[in-house]
C-alpha atoms as a PDB file:
ATOM      1  CA  MET A   1       2.149  -8.698  13.770  1.00  0.00           C
ATOM      2  CA  PRO A   2       4.755 -11.067  15.106  1.00  0.00           C
ATOM      3  CA  ASP A   3       3.715 -12.825  18.310  1.00  0.00           C
ATOM      4  CA  ALA A   4       5.877 -13.241  21.415  1.00  0.00           C
ATOM      5  CA  ALA A   5       7.809 -16.028  19.698  1.00  0.00           C
ATOM      6  CA  GLY A   6       8.588 -13.730  16.770  1.00  0.00           C
ATOM      7  CA  THR A   7       6.422 -15.639  14.299  1.00  0.00           C
ATOM      8  CA  ASP A   8       3.522 -14.371  12.222  1.00  0.00           C
ATOM      9  CA  SER A   9       0.677 -16.506  13.507  1.00  0.00           C
ATOM     10  CA  GLY A  10      -2.480 -16.311  11.425  1.00  0.00           C
ATOM     11  CA  VAL A  11      -0.744 -14.982   8.321  1.00  0.00           C
ATOM     12  CA  THR A  12       0.925 -17.618   6.219  1.00  0.00           C
ATOM     13  CA  ASN A  13       0.879 -16.134   2.738  1.00  0.00           C
ATOM     14  CA  TRP A  14       3.705 -13.601   2.624  1.00  0.00           C
ATOM     15  CA  VAL A  15       4.556 -12.791  -1.009  1.00  0.00           C
ATOM     16  CA  ARG A  16       7.757 -11.081  -2.150  1.00  0.00           C
ATOM     17  CA  VAL A  17       6.686  -8.124  -4.262  1.00  0.00           C
ATOM     18  CA  ALA A  18       9.764  -5.944  -4.778  1.00  0.00           C
ATOM     19  CA  ALA A  19      13.264  -5.031  -3.690  1.00  0.00           C
ATOM     20  CA  THR A  20      13.705  -2.039  -1.405  1.00  0.00           C
ATOM     21  CA  ASN A  21      15.889  -0.241  -3.983  1.00  0.00           C
ATOM     22  CA  GLU A  22      12.939  -0.304  -6.425  1.00  0.00           C
ATOM     23  CA  LEU A  23      10.877   1.906  -4.102  1.00  0.00           C
ATOM     24  CA  PRO A  24      12.804   4.966  -2.893  1.00  0.00           C
ATOM     25  CA  PRO A  25      11.203   7.286  -0.297  1.00  0.00           C
ATOM     26  CA  GLY A  26       8.414   9.428  -1.734  1.00  0.00           C
ATOM     27  CA  THR A  27       7.574   7.018  -4.556  1.00  0.00           C
ATOM     28  CA  MET A  28       4.931   4.415  -5.306  1.00  0.00           C
ATOM     29  CA  PHE A  29       4.090   1.941  -8.027  1.00  0.00           C
ATOM     30  CA  GLY A  30       1.428  -0.579  -8.893  1.00  0.00           C
ATOM     31  CA  LEU A  31       1.735  -4.329  -9.343  1.00  0.00           C
ATOM     32  CA  GLU A  32      -0.494  -7.384  -9.347  1.00  0.00           C
ATOM     33  CA  VAL A  33      -0.121 -10.282  -6.931  1.00  0.00           C
ATOM     34  CA  ASP A  34      -2.345 -13.341  -7.308  1.00  0.00           C
ATOM     35  CA  GLY A  35      -4.855 -11.275  -9.282  1.00  0.00           C
ATOM     36  CA  GLN A  36      -4.932  -8.501  -6.646  1.00  0.00           C
ATOM     37  CA  PRO A  37      -3.850  -5.026  -7.850  1.00  0.00           C
ATOM     38  CA  ILE A  38      -1.611  -3.522  -5.165  1.00  0.00           C
ATOM     39  CA  CYS A  39      -0.096  -0.071  -4.769  1.00  0.00           C
ATOM     40  CA  LEU A  40       3.233  -0.033  -2.928  1.00  0.00           C
ATOM     41  CA  ALA A  41       4.206   3.298  -1.427  1.00  0.00           C
ATOM     42  CA  ASN A  42       7.275   4.487   0.470  1.00  0.00           C
ATOM     43  CA  ALA A  43       6.466   7.363   2.802  1.00  0.00           C
ATOM     44  CA  GLU A  44       9.542   8.723   4.525  1.00  0.00           C
ATOM     45  CA  GLY A  45      11.244   5.312   4.539  1.00  0.00           C
ATOM     46  CA  GLU A  46       8.203   3.285   5.662  1.00  0.00           C
ATOM     47  CA  VAL A  47       6.678   0.961   3.082  1.00  0.00           C
ATOM     48  CA  TYR A  48       2.901   0.553   2.823  1.00  0.00           C
ATOM     49  CA  ALA A  49       0.674  -1.578   0.597  1.00  0.00           C
ATOM     50  CA  LEU A  50      -2.927  -0.908  -0.317  1.00  0.00           C
ATOM     51  CA  ALA A  51      -5.442  -2.012  -2.904  1.00  0.00           C
ATOM     52  CA  ASP A  52      -4.584  -0.189  -6.118  1.00  0.00           C
ATOM     53  CA  GLU A  53      -8.083   1.085  -6.824  1.00  0.00           C
ATOM     54  CA  CYS A  54      -9.807   4.251  -5.665  1.00  0.00           C
ATOM     55  CA  THR A  55     -12.974   3.465  -3.714  1.00  0.00           C
ATOM     56  CA  HIS A  56     -14.773   6.408  -5.326  1.00  0.00           C
ATOM     57  CA  GLU A  57     -14.344   5.215  -8.897  1.00  0.00           C
ATOM     58  CA  GLU A  58     -12.284   2.444 -10.439  1.00  0.00           C
ATOM     59  CA  PHE A  59      -8.939   4.109 -11.070  1.00  0.00           C
ATOM     60  CA  PRO A  60      -5.395   3.000 -10.139  1.00  0.00           C
ATOM     61  CA  LEU A  61      -4.153   4.849  -7.070  1.00  0.00           C
ATOM     62  CA  HIS A  62      -0.497   4.446  -8.051  1.00  0.00           C
ATOM     63  CA  ASP A  63      -1.139   7.016 -10.826  1.00  0.00           C
ATOM     64  CA  GLY A  64      -1.829   9.636  -8.149  1.00  0.00           C
ATOM     65  CA  GLU A  65       0.385  11.848  -5.997  1.00  0.00           C
ATOM     66  CA  LEU A  66       2.028  10.888  -2.715  1.00  0.00           C
ATOM     67  CA  ASP A  67       2.550  13.645  -0.130  1.00  0.00           C
ATOM     68  CA  GLY A  68       3.923  12.209   3.085  1.00  0.00           C
ATOM     69  CA  THR A  69       1.407   9.535   4.055  1.00  0.00           C
ATOM     70  CA  GLU A  70      -1.437  11.010   2.011  1.00  0.00           C
ATOM     71  CA  LEU A  71      -2.179   9.624  -1.438  1.00  0.00           C
ATOM     72  CA  GLU A  72      -4.268  11.720  -3.833  1.00  0.00           C
ATOM     73  CA  CYS A  73      -6.121   9.920  -6.622  1.00  0.00           C
ATOM     74  CA  ALA A  74      -5.349  11.481  -9.994  1.00  0.00           C
ATOM     75  CA  LEU A  75      -8.891  11.050 -11.316  1.00  0.00           C
ATOM     76  CA  HIS A  76     -11.055  13.172  -8.984  1.00  0.00           C
ATOM     77  CA  GLY A  77      -8.714  14.221  -6.163  1.00  0.00           C
ATOM     78  CA  ALA A  78      -9.943  11.854  -3.457  1.00  0.00           C
ATOM     79  CA  CYS A  79      -7.319  11.342  -0.757  1.00  0.00           C
ATOM     80  CA  PHE A  80      -6.398   8.390   1.441  1.00  0.00           C
ATOM     81  CA  ASP A  81      -4.161   7.909   4.462  1.00  0.00           C
ATOM     82  CA  ILE A  82      -1.847   5.107   3.310  1.00  0.00           C
ATOM     83  CA  THR A  83      -1.127   4.040   6.888  1.00  0.00           C
ATOM     84  CA  THR A  84      -4.773   3.126   7.576  1.00  0.00           C
ATOM     85  CA  GLY A  85      -6.536   3.233   4.200  1.00  0.00           C
ATOM     86  CA  ARG A  86      -8.969   5.837   5.567  1.00  0.00           C
ATOM     87  CA  ALA A  87     -10.518   8.214   3.030  1.00  0.00           C
ATOM     88  CA  THR A  88      -9.438  11.731   4.016  1.00  0.00           C
ATOM     89  CA  ARG A  89     -10.999  13.835   1.259  1.00  0.00           C
ATOM     90  CA  LEU A  90     -14.120  13.663  -0.860  1.00  0.00           C
ATOM     91  CA  PRO A  91     -15.328  12.403  -3.204  1.00  0.00           C
ATOM     92  CA  ALA A  92     -14.153   9.121  -1.599  1.00  0.00           C
ATOM     93  CA  VAL A  93     -15.902   8.120   1.625  1.00  0.00           C
ATOM     94  CA  LYS A  94     -14.986   4.424   1.824  1.00  0.00           C
ATOM     95  CA  PRO A  95     -11.528   3.334   2.981  1.00  0.00           C
ATOM     96  CA  VAL A  96      -9.180   1.455   0.699  1.00  0.00           C
ATOM     97  CA  ARG A  97      -7.994  -1.993   1.791  1.00  0.00           C
ATOM     98  CA  THR A  98      -4.498  -2.135   3.250  1.00  0.00           C
ATOM     99  CA  PHE A  99      -2.083  -5.062   3.467  1.00  0.00           C
ATOM    100  CA  ARG A 100       0.579  -5.882   6.034  1.00  0.00           C
ATOM    101  CA  VAL A 101       4.166  -5.319   4.870  1.00  0.00           C
ATOM    102  CA  LYS A 102       7.457  -6.679   6.116  1.00  0.00           C
ATOM    103  CA  ILE A 103      11.011  -6.068   4.991  1.00  0.00           C
ATOM    104  CA  GLU A 104      13.585  -8.849   5.126  1.00  0.00           C
ATOM    105  CA  GLY A 105      17.023  -7.797   3.975  1.00  0.00           C
ATOM    106  CA  ASP A 106      16.448  -6.028   0.665  1.00  0.00           C
ATOM    107  CA  ASP A 107      13.086  -7.693  -0.048  1.00  0.00           C
ATOM    108  CA  ILE A 108       9.569  -6.308   0.460  1.00  0.00           C
ATOM    109  CA  PHE A 109       6.839  -8.815   1.339  1.00  0.00           C
ATOM    110  CA  VAL A 110       3.068  -8.291   1.463  1.00  0.00           C
ATOM    111  CA  ALA A 111       0.623 -10.482   3.394  1.00  0.00           C
ATOM    112  CA  LEU A 112      -2.295 -11.586   1.242  1.00  0.00           C
END
């Protein structure tokens, strides 16, 4: 989060990952940044980033379904809240890692 001076103290590695027009509301896609698979998702105009791997079994989350802020894994139906990474439906019980996102102009950045 920006501090009182408006700077991002503690996070120095912001990486541009996409343009906003590549991720319309209700969509998501997977990409790799510095060897880290990431799922970008746009829920109702808010962009979120999370590790692109289901914590129940290795499977890319971007292949699943997005319903509001809930992402359902296509393999076994586990669900995650993309705002927190929390597992919301079995068989997943572990949360998925989330990443901070910022938008500058038409660019989407993720903090690694």
